[in-house]
């Protein structure tokens, strides 16, 4: 699943799509854009498409990512030190960073009902876009795409 706000780079997968970012966060691997760019187009596609919901799938995904990092970048994997899954997995509470980014962009933050109705991937995308200093120009387009504005 590639969002419309990601379409500028989705054909080549030159940037890490939200679906792959979510999976990387789930398995605790920090992947740099430099490392991502060293993977083949097919490998990037696999990282976007492979399942990553069950523990077994996450173990397989983590192993595949680590194998790619070591083979293509000649670097050791970097592990995420903290997991803040509650930010996007908790449908009952809108994260402060999402509210703050909406305020900074001059738009209304999602209501509690809207936040709850979003898919986990949509919530993940809004949290990531609200956290990112260089990508938050996609925050408002994502809000529009998700029917929040």
C-alpha atoms as a PDB file:
ATOM      1  CA  UNK A   1       0.000   0.000   0.000  1.00  0.00           C
ATOM      2  CA  UNK A   2       1.531   3.225  -1.191  1.00  0.00           C
ATOM      3  CA  UNK A   3      -0.281   6.408  -0.212  1.00  0.00           C
ATOM      4  CA  UNK A   4      -1.048   9.108  -2.779  1.00  0.00           C
ATOM      5  CA  UNK A   5       1.216  11.593  -0.959  1.00  0.00           C
ATOM      6  CA  UNK A   6       4.082   9.136  -1.600  1.00  0.00           C
ATOM      7  CA  UNK A   7       3.372   8.772  -5.346  1.00  0.00           C
ATOM      8  CA  UNK A   8       6.171  11.149  -6.407  1.00  0.00           C
ATOM      9  CA  UNK A   9       8.733   8.498  -5.576  1.00  0.00           C
ATOM     10  CA  UNK A  10       6.692   5.289  -5.404  1.00  0.00           C
ATOM     11  CA  UNK A  11       7.468   3.883  -8.870  1.00  0.00           C
ATOM     12  CA  UNK A  12      11.204   3.762  -8.206  1.00  0.00           C
ATOM     13  CA  UNK A  13      10.850   3.286  -4.456  1.00  0.00           C
ATOM     14  CA  UNK A  14      13.727   5.746  -4.110  1.00  0.00           C
ATOM     15  CA  UNK A  15      12.431   6.695  -0.666  1.00  0.00           C
ATOM     16  CA  UNK A  16      11.246   4.332   2.025  1.00  0.00           C
ATOM     17  CA  UNK A  17       7.440   4.100   1.824  1.00  0.00           C
ATOM     18  CA  UNK A  18       5.378   4.263   4.998  1.00  0.00           C
ATOM     19  CA  UNK A  19       4.402   0.602   4.735  1.00  0.00           C
ATOM     20  CA  UNK A  20       8.085  -0.425   4.871  1.00  0.00           C
ATOM     21  CA  UNK A  21       8.853   2.133   7.604  1.00  0.00           C
ATOM     22  CA  UNK A  22       6.078   0.707   9.741  1.00  0.00           C
ATOM     23  CA  UNK A  23       7.462  -2.807   9.323  1.00  0.00           C
ATOM     24  CA  UNK A  24      10.999  -1.647  10.107  1.00  0.00           C
ATOM     25  CA  UNK A  25       9.739  -0.021  13.303  1.00  0.00           C
ATOM     26  CA  UNK A  26       7.867  -3.208  14.223  1.00  0.00           C
ATOM     27  CA  UNK A  27      11.036  -5.285  13.915  1.00  0.00           C
ATOM     28  CA  UNK A  28      13.247  -2.661  15.569  1.00  0.00           C
ATOM     29  CA  UNK A  29      15.611  -1.940  12.674  1.00  0.00           C
ATOM     30  CA  UNK A  30      16.732   1.576  11.778  1.00  0.00           C
ATOM     31  CA  UNK A  31      17.384   1.774   8.063  1.00  0.00           C
ATOM     32  CA  UNK A  32      19.062   4.787   6.514  1.00  0.00           C
ATOM     33  CA  UNK A  33      18.089   6.123   3.115  1.00  0.00           C
ATOM     34  CA  UNK A  34      21.650   5.398   2.010  1.00  0.00           C
ATOM     35  CA  UNK A  35      21.226   1.734   2.932  1.00  0.00           C
ATOM     36  CA  UNK A  36      17.781   1.617   1.294  1.00  0.00           C
ATOM     37  CA  UNK A  37      19.206   3.084  -1.936  1.00  0.00           C
ATOM     38  CA  UNK A  38      21.737   0.258  -2.149  1.00  0.00           C
ATOM     39  CA  UNK A  39      19.007  -2.383  -2.291  1.00  0.00           C
ATOM     40  CA  UNK A  40      17.715  -3.464  -5.686  1.00  0.00           C
ATOM     41  CA  UNK A  41      14.276  -2.283  -6.800  1.00  0.00           C
ATOM     42  CA  UNK A  42      13.037  -5.845  -6.296  1.00  0.00           C
ATOM     43  CA  UNK A  43      14.397  -5.985  -2.739  1.00  0.00           C
ATOM     44  CA  UNK A  44      12.777  -2.635  -1.908  1.00  0.00           C
ATOM     45  CA  UNK A  45       9.500  -3.960  -3.250  1.00  0.00           C
ATOM     46  CA  UNK A  46       9.815  -7.069  -1.111  1.00  0.00           C
ATOM     47  CA  UNK A  47      10.346  -4.942   1.996  1.00  0.00           C
ATOM     48  CA  UNK A  48       7.142  -3.084   1.184  1.00  0.00           C
ATOM     49  CA  UNK A  49       5.145  -6.233   0.409  1.00  0.00           C
ATOM     50  CA  UNK A  50       6.331  -8.923   2.816  1.00  0.00           C
ATOM     51  CA  UNK A  51       3.953  -9.683   5.688  1.00  0.00           C
ATOM     52  CA  UNK A  52       5.048  -8.494   9.115  1.00  0.00           C
ATOM     53  CA  UNK A  53       2.162  -9.033  11.532  1.00  0.00           C
ATOM     54  CA  UNK A  54       2.840 -12.220  13.481  1.00  0.00           C
ATOM     55  CA  UNK A  55       5.947 -12.892  15.547  1.00  0.00           C
ATOM     56  CA  UNK A  56       7.128 -15.445  12.986  1.00  0.00           C
ATOM     57  CA  UNK A  57       6.633 -12.970  10.123  1.00  0.00           C
ATOM     58  CA  UNK A  58       8.471 -10.275  12.071  1.00  0.00           C
ATOM     59  CA  UNK A  59      11.385 -12.630  12.747  1.00  0.00           C
ATOM     60  CA  UNK A  60      11.576 -13.484   9.039  1.00  0.00           C
ATOM     61  CA  UNK A  61      11.316  -9.822   8.015  1.00  0.00           C
ATOM     62  CA  UNK A  62      13.997  -8.767  10.521  1.00  0.00           C
ATOM     63  CA  UNK A  63      16.318 -11.500   9.232  1.00  0.00           C
ATOM     64  CA  UNK A  64      15.750 -10.457   5.630  1.00  0.00           C
ATOM     65  CA  UNK A  65      16.439  -6.784   6.392  1.00  0.00           C
ATOM     66  CA  UNK A  66      19.595  -7.606   8.331  1.00  0.00           C
ATOM     67  CA  UNK A  67      20.786  -9.840   5.502  1.00  0.00           C
ATOM     68  CA  UNK A  68      20.204  -7.038   2.967  1.00  0.00           C
ATOM     69  CA  UNK A  69      21.955  -4.438   5.112  1.00  0.00           C
ATOM     70  CA  UNK A  70      25.000  -6.632   5.580  1.00  0.00           C
ATOM     71  CA  UNK A  71      25.146  -7.729   1.937  1.00  0.00           C
ATOM     72  CA  UNK A  72      24.469  -4.389   0.254  1.00  0.00           C
ATOM     73  CA  UNK A  73      25.824  -1.747   2.596  1.00  0.00           C
ATOM     74  CA  UNK A  74      28.675  -3.547   4.303  1.00  0.00           C
ATOM     75  CA  UNK A  75      27.478  -2.017   7.566  1.00  0.00           C
ATOM     76  CA  UNK A  76      26.111  -3.590  10.719  1.00  0.00           C
ATOM     77  CA  UNK A  77      22.410  -3.162  11.346  1.00  0.00           C
ATOM     78  CA  UNK A  78      21.357  -0.366  13.681  1.00  0.00           C
ATOM     79  CA  UNK A  79      18.678  -1.293  16.170  1.00  0.00           C
ATOM     80  CA  UNK A  80      15.995   1.058  17.378  1.00  0.00           C
ATOM     81  CA  UNK A  81      16.548   1.689  21.058  1.00  0.00           C
ATOM     82  CA  UNK A  82      13.014   2.682  21.944  1.00  0.00           C
ATOM     83  CA  UNK A  83       9.671   1.521  20.696  1.00  0.00           C
ATOM     84  CA  UNK A  84       6.847   4.006  20.884  1.00  0.00           C
ATOM     85  CA  UNK A  85       4.205   1.846  19.257  1.00  0.00           C
ATOM     86  CA  UNK A  86       1.548   3.297  21.507  1.00  0.00           C
ATOM     87  CA  UNK A  87       1.733   6.526  19.515  1.00  0.00           C
ATOM     88  CA  UNK A  88       0.102   4.966  16.481  1.00  0.00           C
ATOM     89  CA  UNK A  89      -1.264   1.674  17.758  1.00  0.00           C
ATOM     90  CA  UNK A  90      -3.391   3.309  20.413  1.00  0.00           C
ATOM     91  CA  UNK A  91      -6.596   4.263  18.612  1.00  0.00           C
ATOM     92  CA  UNK A  92      -8.132   5.798  21.732  1.00  0.00           C
ATOM     93  CA  UNK A  93      -5.620   8.657  22.110  1.00  0.00           C
ATOM     94  CA  UNK A  94      -4.411  11.195  19.569  1.00  0.00           C
ATOM     95  CA  UNK A  95      -0.657  11.730  20.043  1.00  0.00           C
ATOM     96  CA  UNK A  96       0.374  15.233  21.062  1.00  0.00           C
ATOM     97  CA  UNK A  97       2.834  15.419  18.162  1.00  0.00           C
ATOM     98  CA  UNK A  98      -0.031  14.963  15.679  1.00  0.00           C
ATOM     99  CA  UNK A  99      -2.053  17.687  17.392  1.00  0.00           C
ATOM    100  CA  UNK A 100       1.012  19.950  17.424  1.00  0.00           C
ATOM    101  CA  UNK A 101       1.783  19.407  13.744  1.00  0.00           C
ATOM    102  CA  UNK A 102      -1.830  20.139  12.818  1.00  0.00           C
ATOM    103  CA  UNK A 103      -1.652  23.373  14.825  1.00  0.00           C
ATOM    104  CA  UNK A 104       1.668  24.312  13.193  1.00  0.00           C
ATOM    105  CA  UNK A 105       0.128  23.699   9.753  1.00  0.00           C
ATOM    106  CA  UNK A 106      -3.008  25.689  10.569  1.00  0.00           C
ATOM    107  CA  UNK A 107      -5.415  22.766  10.231  1.00  0.00           C
ATOM    108  CA  UNK A 108      -7.720  21.052  12.690  1.00  0.00           C
ATOM    109  CA  UNK A 109      -6.308  18.010  14.420  1.00  0.00           C
ATOM    110  CA  UNK A 110      -8.214  14.772  13.926  1.00  0.00           C
ATOM    111  CA  UNK A 111     -11.133  14.277  16.275  1.00  0.00           C
ATOM    112  CA  UNK A 112     -11.116  11.271  18.581  1.00  0.00           C
ATOM    113  CA  UNK A 113     -13.653   9.529  16.320  1.00  0.00           C
ATOM    114  CA  UNK A 114     -11.584  10.261  13.205  1.00  0.00           C
ATOM    115  CA  UNK A 115      -8.384   9.011  14.822  1.00  0.00           C
ATOM    116  CA  UNK A 116     -10.094   5.813  15.936  1.00  0.00           C
ATOM    117  CA  UNK A 117     -11.465   5.214  12.417  1.00  0.00           C
ATOM    118  CA  UNK A 118      -8.008   5.419  10.791  1.00  0.00           C
ATOM    119  CA  UNK A 119      -6.148   2.231   9.924  1.00  0.00           C
ATOM    120  CA  UNK A 120      -2.990   1.506  11.925  1.00  0.00           C
ATOM    121  CA  UNK A 121      -0.905   2.367   8.840  1.00  0.00           C
ATOM    122  CA  UNK A 122      -2.660   5.729   8.462  1.00  0.00           C
ATOM    123  CA  UNK A 123      -2.068   6.528  12.139  1.00  0.00           C
ATOM    124  CA  UNK A 124       1.558   5.428  11.753  1.00  0.00           C
ATOM    125  CA  UNK A 125       1.991   7.728   8.737  1.00  0.00           C
ATOM    126  CA  UNK A 126       0.602  10.760  10.574  1.00  0.00           C
ATOM    127  CA  UNK A 127       2.839  10.111  13.579  1.00  0.00           C
ATOM    128  CA  UNK A 128       5.911   9.705  11.357  1.00  0.00           C
ATOM    129  CA  UNK A 129       5.074  12.807   9.351  1.00  0.00           C
ATOM    130  CA  UNK A 130       4.506  14.800  12.536  1.00  0.00           C
ATOM    131  CA  UNK A 131       7.886  13.667  13.920  1.00  0.00           C
ATOM    132  CA  UNK A 132       9.896  14.249  10.774  1.00  0.00           C
ATOM    133  CA  UNK A 133      11.420  17.671  10.305  1.00  0.00           C
ATOM    134  CA  UNK A 134      12.172  17.187   6.603  1.00  0.00           C
ATOM    135  CA  UNK A 135       8.990  15.383   5.551  1.00  0.00           C
ATOM    136  CA  UNK A 136       6.255  17.190   7.401  1.00  0.00           C
ATOM    137  CA  UNK A 137       5.241  18.969   4.181  1.00  0.00           C
ATOM    138  CA  UNK A 138       3.323  15.746   3.502  1.00  0.00           C
ATOM    139  CA  UNK A 139       1.373  15.986   6.770  1.00  0.00           C
ATOM    140  CA  UNK A 140      -1.473  18.095   5.346  1.00  0.00           C
ATOM    141  CA  UNK A 141      -1.692  16.062   2.097  1.00  0.00           C
ATOM    142  CA  UNK A 142      -1.870  12.900   4.239  1.00  0.00           C
ATOM    143  CA  UNK A 143      -4.607  14.422   6.380  1.00  0.00           C
ATOM    144  CA  UNK A 144      -6.533  15.276   3.219  1.00  0.00           C
ATOM    145  CA  UNK A 145      -5.971  11.818   1.727  1.00  0.00           C
ATOM    146  CA  UNK A 146      -7.238  10.171   4.923  1.00  0.00           C
ATOM    147  CA  UNK A 147     -10.427  12.273   4.836  1.00  0.00           C
ATOM    148  CA  UNK A 148      -9.548  14.295   7.930  1.00  0.00           C
ATOM    149  CA  UNK A 149      -9.791  17.749   6.312  1.00  0.00           C
END
